[in-house]
Amino acid sequence: MLLYQSVTELNPSKVRSSEFGRPKGRELLTHAGQISHQKALVKSALECENYEIEQKEISSEMSLKELEDDVNNLEIKHLKS
């Protein structure tokens, strides 16, 4: 895939050997930042998914903790009566 195209790259005979390989002139981006945008979207989607999984785990742990506390409180009340 061509990322940029320089005017001098179209006709390499016009480029001096010391300048060959260096971008000169007016480079035109053919992807216009789409690759970075796509990478950012993928990364943000993964981060969002990881965050949601982590929040579900935290919620489950809190629910189990509350349940254990409720069971302990009921046992204590039952033993006192």
C-alpha atoms as a PDB file:
ATOM      1  CA  MET A   1       0.000   0.000   0.000  1.00  0.00           C
ATOM      2  CA  LEU A   2       1.337   3.383  -0.956  1.00  0.00           C
ATOM      3  CA  LEU A   3       1.403   5.665   2.077  1.00  0.00           C
ATOM      4  CA  TYR A   4       2.635   8.792   0.329  1.00  0.00           C
ATOM      5  CA  GLN A   5       3.543   9.763  -3.181  1.00  0.00           C
ATOM      6  CA  SER A   6       6.059  12.472  -3.939  1.00  0.00           C
ATOM      7  CA  VAL A   7       6.298  14.400  -7.171  1.00  0.00           C
ATOM      8  CA  THR A   8       9.977  13.426  -7.430  1.00  0.00           C
ATOM      9  CA  GLU A   9       9.201   9.742  -6.855  1.00  0.00           C
ATOM     10  CA  LEU A  10       7.122   9.702 -10.007  1.00  0.00           C
ATOM     11  CA  ASN A  11      10.266  10.384 -12.040  1.00  0.00           C
ATOM     12  CA  PRO A  12      13.331   9.064 -10.140  1.00  0.00           C
ATOM     13  CA  SER A  13      15.726  10.263 -12.866  1.00  0.00           C
ATOM     14  CA  LYS A  14      15.172  13.834 -11.651  1.00  0.00           C
ATOM     15  CA  VAL A  15      16.348  12.974  -8.133  1.00  0.00           C
ATOM     16  CA  ARG A  16      20.010  13.332  -7.171  1.00  0.00           C
ATOM     17  CA  SER A  17      21.580  10.209  -5.673  1.00  0.00           C
ATOM     18  CA  SER A  18      22.197  12.018  -2.355  1.00  0.00           C
ATOM     19  CA  GLU A  19      18.486  12.848  -2.135  1.00  0.00           C
ATOM     20  CA  PHE A  20      17.157   9.447  -3.162  1.00  0.00           C
ATOM     21  CA  GLY A  21      14.907   7.927  -0.498  1.00  0.00           C
ATOM     22  CA  ARG A  22      14.266  11.187   1.324  1.00  0.00           C
ATOM     23  CA  PRO A  23      10.796  12.655   0.996  1.00  0.00           C
ATOM     24  CA  LYS A  24      10.994  15.894  -0.979  1.00  0.00           C
ATOM     25  CA  GLY A  25       8.449  18.190  -2.462  1.00  0.00           C
ATOM     26  CA  ARG A  26       4.774  17.793  -1.893  1.00  0.00           C
ATOM     27  CA  GLU A  27       3.937  14.412  -0.365  1.00  0.00           C
ATOM     28  CA  LEU A  28       0.327  13.407  -0.635  1.00  0.00           C
ATOM     29  CA  LEU A  29      -1.068  11.114   2.014  1.00  0.00           C
ATOM     30  CA  THR A  30      -3.194   8.489   0.364  1.00  0.00           C
ATOM     31  CA  HIS A  31      -4.733   7.289   3.625  1.00  0.00           C
ATOM     32  CA  ALA A  32      -5.275  10.720   5.229  1.00  0.00           C
ATOM     33  CA  GLY A  33      -4.923   9.423   8.800  1.00  0.00           C
ATOM     34  CA  GLN A  34      -7.335   6.518   8.398  1.00  0.00           C
ATOM     35  CA  ILE A  35      -4.849   3.957   9.729  1.00  0.00           C
ATOM     36  CA  SER A  36      -4.306   5.843  12.988  1.00  0.00           C
ATOM     37  CA  HIS A  37      -8.039   6.391  13.341  1.00  0.00           C
ATOM     38  CA  GLN A  38      -8.756   2.696  12.801  1.00  0.00           C
ATOM     39  CA  LYS A  39      -6.103   1.730  15.368  1.00  0.00           C
ATOM     40  CA  ALA A  40      -7.579   4.198  17.845  1.00  0.00           C
ATOM     41  CA  LEU A  41     -11.074   2.766  17.339  1.00  0.00           C
ATOM     42  CA  VAL A  42      -9.849  -0.795  17.868  1.00  0.00           C
ATOM     43  CA  LYS A  43      -7.897   0.173  20.981  1.00  0.00           C
ATOM     44  CA  SER A  44     -10.803   2.119  22.475  1.00  0.00           C
ATOM     45  CA  ALA A  45     -13.181  -0.777  21.812  1.00  0.00           C
ATOM     46  CA  LEU A  46     -10.818  -3.199  23.563  1.00  0.00           C
ATOM     47  CA  GLU A  47     -10.337  -0.837  26.495  1.00  0.00           C
ATOM     48  CA  CYS A  48     -14.099  -0.379  26.821  1.00  0.00           C
ATOM     49  CA  GLU A  49     -14.640  -4.132  26.750  1.00  0.00           C
ATOM     50  CA  ASN A  50     -11.942  -4.677  29.399  1.00  0.00           C
ATOM     51  CA  TYR A  51     -13.472  -1.942  31.570  1.00  0.00           C
ATOM     52  CA  GLU A  52     -16.930  -3.508  31.358  1.00  0.00           C
ATOM     53  CA  ILE A  53     -15.540  -6.936  32.288  1.00  0.00           C
ATOM     54  CA  GLU A  54     -13.670  -5.435  35.235  1.00  0.00           C
ATOM     55  CA  GLN A  55     -16.787  -3.593  36.426  1.00  0.00           C
ATOM     56  CA  LYS A  56     -18.838  -6.812  36.263  1.00  0.00           C
ATOM     57  CA  GLU A  57     -16.202  -8.626  38.327  1.00  0.00           C
ATOM     58  CA  ILE A  58     -16.181  -5.855  40.917  1.00  0.00           C
ATOM     59  CA  SER A  59     -19.978  -5.888  41.068  1.00  0.00           C
ATOM     60  CA  SER A  60     -20.024  -9.677  41.490  1.00  0.00           C
ATOM     61  CA  GLU A  61     -17.467  -9.493  44.291  1.00  0.00           C
ATOM     62  CA  MET A  62     -19.463  -6.795  46.069  1.00  0.00           C
ATOM     63  CA  SER A  63     -22.677  -8.826  45.749  1.00  0.00           C
ATOM     64  CA  LEU A  64     -20.996 -11.907  47.171  1.00  0.00           C
ATOM     65  CA  LYS A  65     -19.562  -9.851  50.031  1.00  0.00           C
ATOM     66  CA  GLU A  66     -23.006  -8.422  50.831  1.00  0.00           C
ATOM     67  CA  LEU A  67     -24.522 -11.906  50.717  1.00  0.00           C
ATOM     68  CA  GLU A  68     -21.856 -13.250  53.100  1.00  0.00           C
ATOM     69  CA  ASP A  69     -22.454 -10.339  55.471  1.00  0.00           C
ATOM     70  CA  ASP A  70     -26.222 -10.940  55.394  1.00  0.00           C
ATOM     71  CA  VAL A  71     -25.754 -14.650  56.124  1.00  0.00           C
ATOM     72  CA  ASN A  72     -23.395 -13.870  59.011  1.00  0.00           C
ATOM     73  CA  ASN A  73     -25.854 -11.333  60.440  1.00  0.00           C
ATOM     74  CA  LEU A  74     -28.707 -13.853  60.233  1.00  0.00           C
ATOM     75  CA  GLU A  75     -26.591 -16.490  61.958  1.00  0.00           C
ATOM     76  CA  ILE A  76     -25.707 -14.074  64.743  1.00  0.00           C
ATOM     77  CA  LYS A  77     -29.376 -13.063  65.193  1.00  0.00           C
ATOM     78  CA  HIS A  78     -30.450 -16.709  65.210  1.00  0.00           C
ATOM     79  CA  LEU A  79     -27.845 -17.601  67.836  1.00  0.00           C
ATOM     80  CA  LYS A  80     -28.918 -14.709  70.082  1.00  0.00           C
ATOM     81  CA  SER A  81     -32.575 -15.687  70.070  1.00  0.00           C
END
